[in-house]
N, C-alpha and C. Protein backbone atom coordinates (compact mmCIF):
# COMPACT_ATOMS: atom_id res chain seq x y z
N GLU A 1 0.84 -1.18 0.00
CA GLU A 1 0.00 0.00 0.00
C GLU A 1 0.89 1.25 0.00
N ALA A 2 0.71 2.10 -0.95
CA ALA A 2 1.53 3.31 -1.08
C ALA A 2 1.01 4.39 -0.13
N THR A 3 1.94 5.14 0.44
CA THR A 3 1.54 6.26 1.29
C THR A 3 1.82 7.55 0.55
N GLU A 4 1.03 8.55 0.83
CA GLU A 4 1.20 9.84 0.18
C GLU A 4 2.40 10.55 0.78
N ARG A 5 3.25 11.09 -0.05
CA ARG A 5 4.45 11.77 0.40
C ARG A 5 4.10 13.18 0.89
N GLN A 6 4.62 13.52 2.04
CA GLN A 6 4.43 14.85 2.59
C GLN A 6 5.73 15.62 2.45
N ASP A 7 5.71 16.70 1.71
CA ASP A 7 6.90 17.53 1.57
C ASP A 7 7.02 18.45 2.77
N VAL A 8 8.20 18.50 3.33
CA VAL A 8 8.47 19.35 4.49
C VAL A 8 8.96 20.70 3.97
N PRO A 9 8.33 21.79 4.41
CA PRO A 9 8.77 23.10 3.92
C PRO A 9 10.16 23.42 4.45
N PRO A 10 10.90 24.28 3.76
CA PRO A 10 12.24 24.64 4.23
C PRO A 10 12.16 25.39 5.56
N ALA A 11 13.23 25.32 6.33
CA ALA A 11 13.30 25.99 7.63
C ALA A 11 13.13 27.50 7.44
N SER A 12 12.46 28.11 8.40
CA SER A 12 12.28 29.56 8.36
C SER A 12 12.52 30.12 9.75
N LYS A 13 12.77 31.41 9.83
CA LYS A 13 12.97 32.06 11.12
C LYS A 13 11.62 32.33 11.77
N PRO A 14 11.54 32.23 13.10
CA PRO A 14 10.27 32.53 13.77
C PRO A 14 9.87 33.98 13.56
N GLU A 15 8.58 34.21 13.45
CA GLU A 15 8.09 35.57 13.24
C GLU A 15 7.81 36.29 14.56
N LYS A 16 7.48 35.54 15.63
CA LYS A 16 7.10 36.17 16.89
C LYS A 16 8.04 35.87 18.05
N LEU A 17 8.81 34.80 17.95
CA LEU A 17 9.70 34.41 19.03
C LEU A 17 11.14 34.49 18.57
N SER A 18 12.02 34.74 19.53
CA SER A 18 13.45 34.70 19.20
C SER A 18 14.20 34.18 20.43
N ILE A 19 15.35 33.64 20.17
CA ILE A 19 16.22 33.16 21.24
C ILE A 19 17.43 34.07 21.31
N LYS A 20 17.70 34.57 22.50
CA LYS A 20 18.82 35.46 22.70
C LYS A 20 19.58 35.00 23.94
N GLN A 21 20.86 34.77 23.81
CA GLN A 21 21.66 34.36 24.96
C GLN A 21 21.76 35.52 25.94
N LEU A 22 21.39 35.26 27.20
CA LEU A 22 21.43 36.30 28.21
C LEU A 22 22.72 36.28 29.02
N TRP A 23 23.26 35.09 29.25
CA TRP A 23 24.50 34.98 30.00
C TRP A 23 25.11 33.60 29.81
N THR A 24 26.37 33.48 30.18
CA THR A 24 27.05 32.19 30.25
C THR A 24 27.80 32.15 31.57
N ASN A 25 28.14 30.95 31.98
CA ASN A 25 28.92 30.79 33.20
C ASN A 25 29.91 29.66 32.98
N ALA A 26 31.19 30.00 33.00
CA ALA A 26 32.24 29.00 32.80
C ALA A 26 32.82 28.52 34.13
N GLU A 27 32.33 29.06 35.25
CA GLU A 27 32.86 28.69 36.56
C GLU A 27 32.32 27.37 37.09
N VAL A 28 31.19 26.94 36.57
CA VAL A 28 30.59 25.70 37.04
C VAL A 28 31.01 24.58 36.09
N SER A 29 31.86 23.70 36.60
CA SER A 29 32.29 22.57 35.78
C SER A 29 31.32 21.41 35.99
N ASP A 30 31.14 20.61 34.97
CA ASP A 30 30.26 19.44 35.03
C ASP A 30 28.84 19.81 35.48
N PRO A 31 28.22 20.83 34.85
CA PRO A 31 26.88 21.22 35.28
C PRO A 31 25.86 20.14 34.97
N GLY A 32 24.86 20.08 35.83
CA GLY A 32 23.80 19.09 35.65
C GLY A 32 22.45 19.73 35.82
N ASN A 33 21.53 19.01 36.44
CA ASN A 33 20.16 19.47 36.66
C ASN A 33 20.17 20.91 37.18
N MET A 34 19.32 21.74 36.63
CA MET A 34 19.27 23.15 37.00
C MET A 34 17.83 23.50 37.36
N LEU A 35 17.65 24.34 38.38
CA LEU A 35 16.30 24.78 38.71
C LEU A 35 16.30 26.21 39.20
N LEU A 36 15.21 26.88 38.96
CA LEU A 36 15.02 28.24 39.41
C LEU A 36 14.28 28.19 40.74
N VAL A 37 14.84 28.84 41.76
CA VAL A 37 14.22 28.87 43.08
C VAL A 37 13.49 30.20 43.21
N PRO A 38 12.16 30.16 43.27
CA PRO A 38 11.40 31.41 43.35
C PRO A 38 11.55 32.05 44.73
N GLY A 39 11.19 33.29 44.81
CA GLY A 39 11.25 34.02 46.06
C GLY A 39 11.65 35.45 45.81
N LYS A 40 11.87 36.19 46.90
CA LYS A 40 12.27 37.59 46.77
C LYS A 40 13.58 37.72 46.02
N ARG A 41 14.52 36.84 46.36
CA ARG A 41 15.83 36.85 45.71
C ARG A 41 15.93 35.61 44.83
N LYS A 42 15.57 35.74 43.59
CA LYS A 42 15.59 34.59 42.68
C LYS A 42 17.00 34.05 42.55
N GLN A 43 17.10 32.74 42.61
CA GLN A 43 18.39 32.07 42.48
C GLN A 43 18.26 30.90 41.53
N ILE A 44 19.37 30.54 40.93
CA ILE A 44 19.43 29.37 40.07
C ILE A 44 20.36 28.38 40.75
N ILE A 45 19.88 27.16 40.92
CA ILE A 45 20.67 26.10 41.53
C ILE A 45 21.06 25.13 40.42
N VAL A 46 22.33 24.80 40.34
CA VAL A 46 22.84 23.91 39.31
C VAL A 46 23.68 22.82 39.96
N MET A 47 23.42 21.57 39.59
CA MET A 47 24.29 20.50 40.05
C MET A 47 25.69 20.78 39.51
N ALA A 48 26.69 20.61 40.35
CA ALA A 48 28.09 20.81 39.95
C ALA A 48 28.83 19.55 40.38
N GLY A 49 28.72 18.51 39.58
CA GLY A 49 29.28 17.22 39.95
C GLY A 49 28.23 16.40 40.68
N TRP A 50 28.69 15.38 41.42
CA TRP A 50 27.77 14.45 42.09
C TRP A 50 27.43 14.82 43.52
N ASN A 51 28.20 15.76 44.11
CA ASN A 51 27.97 16.01 45.53
C ASN A 51 27.94 17.49 45.91
N GLN A 52 27.79 18.36 44.92
CA GLN A 52 27.68 19.76 45.26
C GLN A 52 26.81 20.50 44.26
N VAL A 53 26.30 21.65 44.72
CA VAL A 53 25.51 22.51 43.85
C VAL A 53 26.17 23.87 43.78
N ALA A 54 25.93 24.55 42.68
CA ALA A 54 26.37 25.94 42.53
C ALA A 54 25.13 26.81 42.60
N VAL A 55 25.23 27.91 43.33
CA VAL A 55 24.13 28.86 43.46
C VAL A 55 24.49 30.08 42.62
N LEU A 56 23.67 30.35 41.60
CA LEU A 56 23.90 31.47 40.71
C LEU A 56 22.82 32.52 40.94
N ASP A 57 23.17 33.78 40.68
CA ASP A 57 22.12 34.80 40.70
C ASP A 57 21.40 34.78 39.36
N ILE A 58 20.40 35.58 39.22
CA ILE A 58 19.56 35.56 38.03
C ILE A 58 20.33 36.00 36.77
N ASP A 59 21.49 36.63 36.97
CA ASP A 59 22.34 37.04 35.84
C ASP A 59 23.41 36.01 35.53
N GLY A 60 23.36 34.85 36.21
CA GLY A 60 24.30 33.77 35.92
C GLY A 60 25.62 33.88 36.65
N LYS A 61 25.76 34.81 37.58
CA LYS A 61 27.00 34.96 38.34
C LYS A 61 27.01 33.97 39.51
N LEU A 62 28.15 33.31 39.70
CA LEU A 62 28.28 32.34 40.78
C LEU A 62 28.32 33.05 42.12
N ASN A 63 27.34 32.74 42.99
CA ASN A 63 27.31 33.30 44.34
C ASN A 63 28.12 32.43 45.30
N ARG A 64 27.90 31.12 45.21
CA ARG A 64 28.62 30.20 46.10
C ARG A 64 28.44 28.77 45.63
N ARG A 65 29.30 27.92 46.14
CA ARG A 65 29.17 26.48 45.95
C ARG A 65 28.78 25.87 47.28
N VAL A 66 27.94 24.85 47.23
CA VAL A 66 27.49 24.20 48.45
C VAL A 66 27.76 22.71 48.31
N LYS A 67 28.60 22.20 49.19
CA LYS A 67 28.85 20.75 49.21
C LYS A 67 27.72 20.10 49.99
N LEU A 68 27.10 19.11 49.36
CA LEU A 68 25.99 18.41 49.99
C LEU A 68 26.51 17.35 50.95
N GLU A 69 25.92 17.30 52.13
CA GLU A 69 26.28 16.32 53.16
C GLU A 69 25.70 14.96 52.76
N LEU A 70 26.46 14.22 51.96
CA LEU A 70 26.03 12.93 51.44
C LEU A 70 26.85 11.80 52.03
N PRO A 71 26.27 10.61 52.17
CA PRO A 71 27.08 9.45 52.52
C PRO A 71 28.15 9.26 51.44
N ALA A 72 29.28 8.68 51.82
CA ALA A 72 30.42 8.54 50.91
C ALA A 72 30.08 7.78 49.63
N ASP A 73 29.15 6.85 49.70
CA ASP A 73 28.83 6.02 48.54
C ASP A 73 27.67 6.56 47.70
N ASP A 74 27.22 7.78 47.96
CA ASP A 74 26.09 8.34 47.24
C ASP A 74 26.45 9.61 46.49
N GLY A 75 25.71 9.88 45.44
CA GLY A 75 25.77 11.12 44.70
C GLY A 75 24.36 11.43 44.25
N VAL A 76 24.14 12.63 43.73
CA VAL A 76 22.81 13.00 43.27
C VAL A 76 22.91 13.69 41.91
N SER A 77 21.83 13.60 41.14
CA SER A 77 21.79 14.26 39.84
C SER A 77 20.45 14.93 39.58
N VAL A 78 19.47 14.71 40.45
CA VAL A 78 18.14 15.30 40.29
C VAL A 78 17.87 16.20 41.49
N LEU A 79 17.47 17.43 41.23
CA LEU A 79 17.15 18.39 42.29
C LEU A 79 15.72 18.87 42.16
N ARG A 80 15.08 19.09 43.29
CA ARG A 80 13.76 19.70 43.35
C ARG A 80 13.75 20.67 44.52
N ALA A 81 13.11 21.82 44.36
CA ALA A 81 13.05 22.83 45.42
C ALA A 81 11.75 22.72 46.20
N GLY A 82 11.81 23.12 47.44
CA GLY A 82 10.63 23.15 48.29
C GLY A 82 10.88 24.10 49.45
N LYS A 83 9.94 24.13 50.39
CA LYS A 83 10.07 25.02 51.55
C LYS A 83 9.80 24.26 52.83
N SER A 84 10.49 24.69 53.89
CA SER A 84 10.29 24.10 55.21
C SER A 84 9.05 24.72 55.86
N GLU A 85 8.70 24.20 57.04
CA GLU A 85 7.57 24.77 57.77
C GLU A 85 7.83 26.21 58.20
N LYS A 86 9.11 26.61 58.24
CA LYS A 86 9.47 27.98 58.59
C LYS A 86 9.72 28.82 57.35
N ASP A 87 9.25 28.33 56.18
CA ASP A 87 9.34 29.03 54.90
C ASP A 87 10.79 29.20 54.42
N ARG A 88 11.66 28.29 54.84
CA ARG A 88 13.05 28.30 54.39
C ARG A 88 13.19 27.35 53.21
N ALA A 89 14.09 27.69 52.30
CA ALA A 89 14.26 26.88 51.09
C ALA A 89 14.91 25.54 51.42
N LEU A 90 14.42 24.50 50.76
CA LEU A 90 14.96 23.15 50.89
C LEU A 90 15.21 22.58 49.51
N LEU A 91 16.09 21.59 49.44
CA LEU A 91 16.36 20.86 48.21
C LEU A 91 16.10 19.39 48.43
N ALA A 92 15.32 18.79 47.56
CA ALA A 92 15.18 17.33 47.52
C ALA A 92 16.11 16.85 46.42
N ALA A 93 16.77 15.72 46.64
CA ALA A 93 17.75 15.25 45.66
C ALA A 93 17.78 13.73 45.61
N THR A 94 18.06 13.22 44.44
CA THR A 94 18.26 11.79 44.23
C THR A 94 19.01 11.61 42.91
N THR A 95 19.18 10.40 42.52
CA THR A 95 19.70 10.05 41.20
C THR A 95 18.68 9.14 40.56
N ARG A 96 18.34 9.39 39.31
CA ARG A 96 17.42 8.48 38.62
C ARG A 96 18.05 7.09 38.61
N GLY A 97 17.31 6.13 39.11
CA GLY A 97 17.85 4.79 39.23
C GLY A 97 18.63 4.60 40.53
N GLY A 98 18.65 5.65 41.37
CA GLY A 98 19.35 5.58 42.65
C GLY A 98 18.57 4.79 43.69
N ARG A 99 19.17 4.62 44.83
CA ARG A 99 18.58 3.80 45.89
C ARG A 99 18.11 4.61 47.10
N ARG A 100 18.47 5.92 47.15
CA ARG A 100 18.05 6.76 48.27
C ARG A 100 17.70 8.16 47.78
N ALA A 101 16.85 8.83 48.55
CA ALA A 101 16.51 10.23 48.30
C ALA A 101 16.90 11.03 49.54
N PHE A 102 17.20 12.32 49.34
CA PHE A 102 17.69 13.17 50.42
C PHE A 102 16.96 14.51 50.41
N VAL A 103 16.96 15.16 51.57
CA VAL A 103 16.51 16.54 51.69
C VAL A 103 17.64 17.31 52.35
N PHE A 104 17.99 18.48 51.76
CA PHE A 104 19.06 19.34 52.27
C PHE A 104 18.53 20.74 52.49
N ASP A 105 19.16 21.45 53.45
CA ASP A 105 18.89 22.88 53.54
C ASP A 105 19.84 23.58 52.56
N PHE A 106 19.78 24.89 52.47
CA PHE A 106 20.59 25.60 51.48
C PHE A 106 22.06 25.74 51.89
N ALA A 107 22.40 25.24 53.06
CA ALA A 107 23.81 25.17 53.46
C ALA A 107 24.39 23.80 53.13
N GLY A 108 23.57 22.91 52.58
CA GLY A 108 24.03 21.56 52.22
C GLY A 108 23.88 20.54 53.33
N LYS A 109 23.33 20.95 54.47
CA LYS A 109 23.14 20.02 55.58
C LYS A 109 22.00 19.05 55.26
N ARG A 110 22.26 17.78 55.46
CA ARG A 110 21.25 16.75 55.21
C ARG A 110 20.22 16.78 56.33
N ILE A 111 18.97 16.96 55.96
CA ILE A 111 17.87 17.01 56.91
C ILE A 111 17.19 15.65 57.00
N ALA A 112 17.06 14.98 55.86
CA ALA A 112 16.40 13.68 55.84
C ALA A 112 16.97 12.84 54.72
N GLN A 113 16.87 11.53 54.90
CA GLN A 113 17.18 10.59 53.82
C GLN A 113 16.19 9.44 53.90
N TYR A 114 15.91 8.87 52.73
CA TYR A 114 14.96 7.77 52.68
C TYR A 114 15.32 6.85 51.53
N PRO A 115 15.29 5.56 51.76
CA PRO A 115 15.22 4.89 53.05
C PRO A 115 16.54 5.03 53.81
N ALA A 116 16.53 4.64 55.08
CA ALA A 116 17.73 4.77 55.91
C ALA A 116 18.88 3.97 55.32
N LYS A 117 18.59 2.76 54.85
CA LYS A 117 19.59 1.94 54.16
C LYS A 117 19.14 1.80 52.71
N PRO A 118 20.07 1.87 51.76
CA PRO A 118 19.67 1.77 50.35
C PRO A 118 18.93 0.47 50.07
N SER A 119 17.93 0.57 49.23
CA SER A 119 17.17 -0.60 48.81
C SER A 119 17.97 -1.35 47.75
N PRO A 120 18.24 -2.64 47.94
CA PRO A 120 19.04 -3.38 46.97
C PRO A 120 18.28 -3.74 45.69
N SER A 121 16.94 -3.75 45.77
CA SER A 121 16.19 -4.25 44.62
C SER A 121 15.29 -3.22 43.94
N SER A 122 15.17 -2.03 44.47
CA SER A 122 14.29 -1.02 43.88
C SER A 122 15.08 0.25 43.61
N SER A 123 14.64 1.00 42.59
CA SER A 123 15.33 2.24 42.28
C SER A 123 14.34 3.40 42.15
N ILE A 124 14.82 4.57 42.49
CA ILE A 124 14.02 5.79 42.51
C ILE A 124 14.01 6.42 41.13
N THR A 125 12.86 6.96 40.76
CA THR A 125 12.76 7.67 39.48
C THR A 125 12.65 9.18 39.66
N ASP A 126 12.02 9.64 40.74
CA ASP A 126 11.84 11.07 40.92
C ASP A 126 11.48 11.38 42.37
N VAL A 127 11.67 12.63 42.76
CA VAL A 127 11.30 13.12 44.09
C VAL A 127 10.62 14.48 43.97
N VAL A 128 9.78 14.78 44.95
CA VAL A 128 9.11 16.08 45.02
C VAL A 128 8.98 16.46 46.48
N LEU A 129 9.14 17.73 46.80
CA LEU A 129 8.83 18.24 48.13
C LEU A 129 7.48 18.93 48.06
N ALA A 130 6.56 18.54 48.93
CA ALA A 130 5.22 19.11 48.90
C ALA A 130 4.58 19.03 50.28
N ASP A 131 3.60 19.87 50.51
CA ASP A 131 2.80 19.82 51.73
C ASP A 131 1.42 19.30 51.33
N LEU A 132 1.31 18.01 51.15
CA LEU A 132 0.07 17.42 50.64
C LEU A 132 -1.09 17.48 51.62
N ASN A 133 -0.79 17.40 52.92
CA ASN A 133 -1.88 17.41 53.91
C ASN A 133 -2.12 18.80 54.51
N ASN A 134 -1.47 19.81 53.95
CA ASN A 134 -1.70 21.22 54.31
C ASN A 134 -1.47 21.50 55.79
N ASP A 135 -0.45 20.85 56.37
CA ASP A 135 -0.13 21.09 57.78
C ASP A 135 1.09 22.01 57.95
N LYS A 136 1.51 22.65 56.87
CA LYS A 136 2.66 23.58 56.86
C LYS A 136 4.00 22.89 57.02
N ARG A 137 4.01 21.54 56.93
CA ARG A 137 5.26 20.78 56.99
C ARG A 137 5.41 20.02 55.68
N PRO A 138 6.57 20.13 55.06
CA PRO A 138 6.75 19.45 53.77
C PRO A 138 6.91 17.94 53.95
N GLU A 139 6.52 17.22 52.92
CA GLU A 139 6.78 15.79 52.85
C GLU A 139 7.66 15.56 51.63
N LEU A 140 8.51 14.55 51.72
CA LEU A 140 9.30 14.11 50.59
C LEU A 140 8.50 13.02 49.91
N ILE A 141 8.13 13.25 48.66
CA ILE A 141 7.36 12.27 47.90
C ILE A 141 8.36 11.58 46.96
N VAL A 142 8.44 10.25 47.08
CA VAL A 142 9.44 9.48 46.34
C VAL A 142 8.73 8.53 45.38
N GLY A 143 9.06 8.62 44.10
CA GLY A 143 8.51 7.72 43.09
C GLY A 143 9.53 6.63 42.77
N TRP A 144 9.05 5.40 42.68
CA TRP A 144 9.91 4.24 42.47
C TRP A 144 9.58 3.52 41.17
N GLN A 145 10.55 2.81 40.63
CA GLN A 145 10.30 1.91 39.50
C GLN A 145 9.63 0.65 40.02
N GLY A 146 9.02 -0.10 39.10
CA GLY A 146 8.43 -1.38 39.48
C GLY A 146 7.17 -1.21 40.29
N ASN A 147 6.88 -2.18 41.14
CA ASN A 147 5.62 -2.17 41.89
C ASN A 147 5.75 -1.53 43.27
N VAL A 148 6.80 -0.75 43.50
CA VAL A 148 6.99 -0.11 44.80
C VAL A 148 6.07 1.10 44.95
N GLY A 149 5.75 1.78 43.84
CA GLY A 149 4.80 2.89 43.86
C GLY A 149 5.38 4.21 44.32
N ILE A 150 4.58 4.93 45.12
CA ILE A 150 4.94 6.25 45.62
C ILE A 150 4.90 6.20 47.14
N HIS A 151 5.93 6.79 47.76
CA HIS A 151 5.99 6.86 49.23
C HIS A 151 6.01 8.32 49.65
N SER A 152 5.34 8.62 50.75
CA SER A 152 5.41 9.93 51.38
C SER A 152 6.23 9.78 52.65
N VAL A 153 7.19 10.68 52.83
CA VAL A 153 8.15 10.57 53.93
C VAL A 153 8.21 11.91 54.67
N ASP A 154 8.24 11.87 56.02
CA ASP A 154 8.36 13.11 56.78
C ASP A 154 9.83 13.55 56.83
N MET A 155 10.09 14.68 57.45
CA MET A 155 11.45 15.23 57.48
C MET A 155 12.36 14.53 58.48
N GLN A 156 11.86 13.49 59.14
CA GLN A 156 12.70 12.63 59.95
C GLN A 156 13.05 11.35 59.19
N GLY A 157 12.60 11.26 57.95
CA GLY A 157 12.89 10.08 57.13
C GLY A 157 11.96 8.91 57.38
N ARG A 158 10.81 9.16 58.04
CA ARG A 158 9.85 8.09 58.32
C ARG A 158 8.75 8.08 57.26
N ARG A 159 8.48 6.89 56.75
CA ARG A 159 7.42 6.76 55.75
C ARG A 159 6.07 7.03 56.40
N GLN A 160 5.27 7.88 55.74
CA GLN A 160 3.93 8.22 56.22
C GLN A 160 2.87 7.37 55.53
N TRP A 161 3.03 7.16 54.23
CA TRP A 161 2.10 6.33 53.49
C TRP A 161 2.75 5.84 52.20
N THR A 162 2.10 4.83 51.62
CA THR A 162 2.54 4.24 50.36
C THR A 162 1.32 4.09 49.47
N ASN A 163 1.50 4.35 48.17
CA ASN A 163 0.45 4.10 47.19
C ASN A 163 1.05 3.27 46.07
N ARG A 164 0.59 2.04 45.95
CA ARG A 164 1.12 1.14 44.92
C ARG A 164 0.17 1.02 43.73
N ALA A 165 -0.88 1.85 43.71
CA ALA A 165 -1.84 1.79 42.60
C ALA A 165 -1.18 2.18 41.28
N MET A 166 -0.12 2.96 41.36
CA MET A 166 0.59 3.40 40.16
C MET A 166 1.98 2.79 40.17
N SER A 167 2.15 1.69 39.49
CA SER A 167 3.48 1.06 39.48
C SER A 167 4.32 1.66 38.36
N GLY A 168 5.60 1.60 38.53
CA GLY A 168 6.51 2.10 37.51
C GLY A 168 6.39 3.60 37.31
N VAL A 169 6.51 4.38 38.38
CA VAL A 169 6.43 5.83 38.31
C VAL A 169 7.59 6.34 37.45
N PHE A 170 7.27 7.16 36.46
CA PHE A 170 8.31 7.70 35.58
C PHE A 170 8.78 9.06 36.08
N ALA A 171 7.86 9.97 36.32
CA ALA A 171 8.21 11.30 36.79
C ALA A 171 7.04 11.89 37.56
N MET A 172 7.35 12.84 38.44
CA MET A 172 6.33 13.55 39.21
C MET A 172 6.66 15.04 39.13
N SER A 173 5.65 15.86 39.15
CA SER A 173 5.90 17.30 39.21
C SER A 173 4.71 18.03 39.75
């Protein structure tokens, strides 16, 4: 059965949108996951290797580097921003396919980790910090591959609930 050929028009420049480079930063080596942290003082957080983040201002200037308080055998590549019960900025972190998730303050101090010991048979796909029960305290929401589902964890690293109705979580946001 023959299919009708569709000719693709030649490339053209956008009429309403344009891309303009605003800044570059050569001070951050091995940059990874990047996120914008909202607030009065907007900041950009960029993974800088496996165990530290770089904090940039909105113009791309390096403000500081923060070494994350990680166990020696762990690194992270996925970052998510959230807030503490005192409205302070927090970072949730993991590695896709990793065995543990972490919560850090903006000084890199580890506030929570889950699970306490790495799971040998399950791997994490994503993390989110959220206040799902509206009690002004964030929970770490951890998505897992396979039939492990989604876990909600308090800031002491204790599991609050599990939902296995959705197996093979790919991403959460």
